Amino acid sequence: MMYQREKLVVLKSSASLFPNNVSRVTVNGETYAGVVHKDQLNIVRPGTPEVEPRLVEAKVVTSTQSSLSIMQAAWVKVSSRTLLVLATTKGALFYDWDGSVLLYAHLLPPTPPDAPYAFTRGIAAIYSGFVCVGVHTGEVVVVRVSDEEVKTVDVVKWHARPITTLASHGLVLVTGDDEGHITVAQDDQGLQNVCCIDTYGSPVTCLAAWGGQVVAAYLSGHIRIFNLQCGRIIAEVCGHARSITGLDIAKESGLMLTTSEDSYIRVWQLNPSSSDLPVEHKYGTVEENVALCGGAFTDDVGSGFFTTGYDRRDIICYAM
């Protein structure tokens, strides 16, 4: 398997350094990529890089007009709608897919002046029509999306530490925190805890769920694969030398992309039906002196991917 560096797509503003800072959506046959810079989301079309990038600025009206930062951006497909969700230091903002209309805002309660931080981070949609967003308190906000409205309906809490990342598959939600604990829940007339996966001593930075398995990436550079139903560990890989900042699975092929602050991009093959070789390394390349901060496949087969790095004003595109 071989990918080639294909092109650079210019952004209006440079990429912030935090995990999962590359997102993808396909609308009307066109693929779009999103990269966050402070309080702005760059939206570009890698297929037609000459089209002017779009900037979505996160704004909320609060009594204290302090600055706001986006901690993660993601597109979610739920209830036949595609929404753009911005998880920020003030709360979760829900837009139509291109960011032109703010549909709903779940704002965090005011924090005391001595509070060290407040933020939302981790975005995932479950098949039953809900979007979940993680909070620094360890809670997960559950927002119902229907054709008529977008509305917060529940708040659940399984973690004592700040949520760092969420993932979903069907009716299953997976949550991770900054101590390395992972919880698997399923929507059965409300989110019910299925199992908990204990910490390995390092924060979880990225999560994915696919093929009856949970894939977790860590600040330590490790990748661990667990059984989705019972939490039993299936495989452990020392995938990178530094924090893993991007994790994506091509759902139709089982290819897995990881990016890291160590400048390396790796592509793996997941084999959920094989107990002998559950994961194998297929491809690797390095972007010299670039602290990569996310990556996403261009489609569900894994025929290409894009990534970016801290302070870069472009998206780097690879294709087979």
Foldseek 3Di string as FASTA:
>chain_A
DDKDFDDKAFWPFFAAFAFAQWEWDADPNFIWIWGFDFQWIWIAGVVCSVPDIDIAGDDDDDPDPDGKGFRHWYWAQFQNAIWIWTKMQFFIWIGHNVNPGTADTDGDPDDDPPDPGWIKAAWEDAHVAWIWIWIQQQKIWIWGDHPVGIGTDDIDHDDRGGWQYWEDDHQWIWTFHQQAKIWIWGPDVHTDTQEIADHPRFGWHYWYDADQWIWTFTQCQKIWIAGRRYRHTQDIDSHDRGGWREWEALHVFQWIWIAFQRQKIWIKHADSVDSVDRIGTDDMDGDPPFGKHYKYARHSNRQWMWTHGGRDRIITIMGD
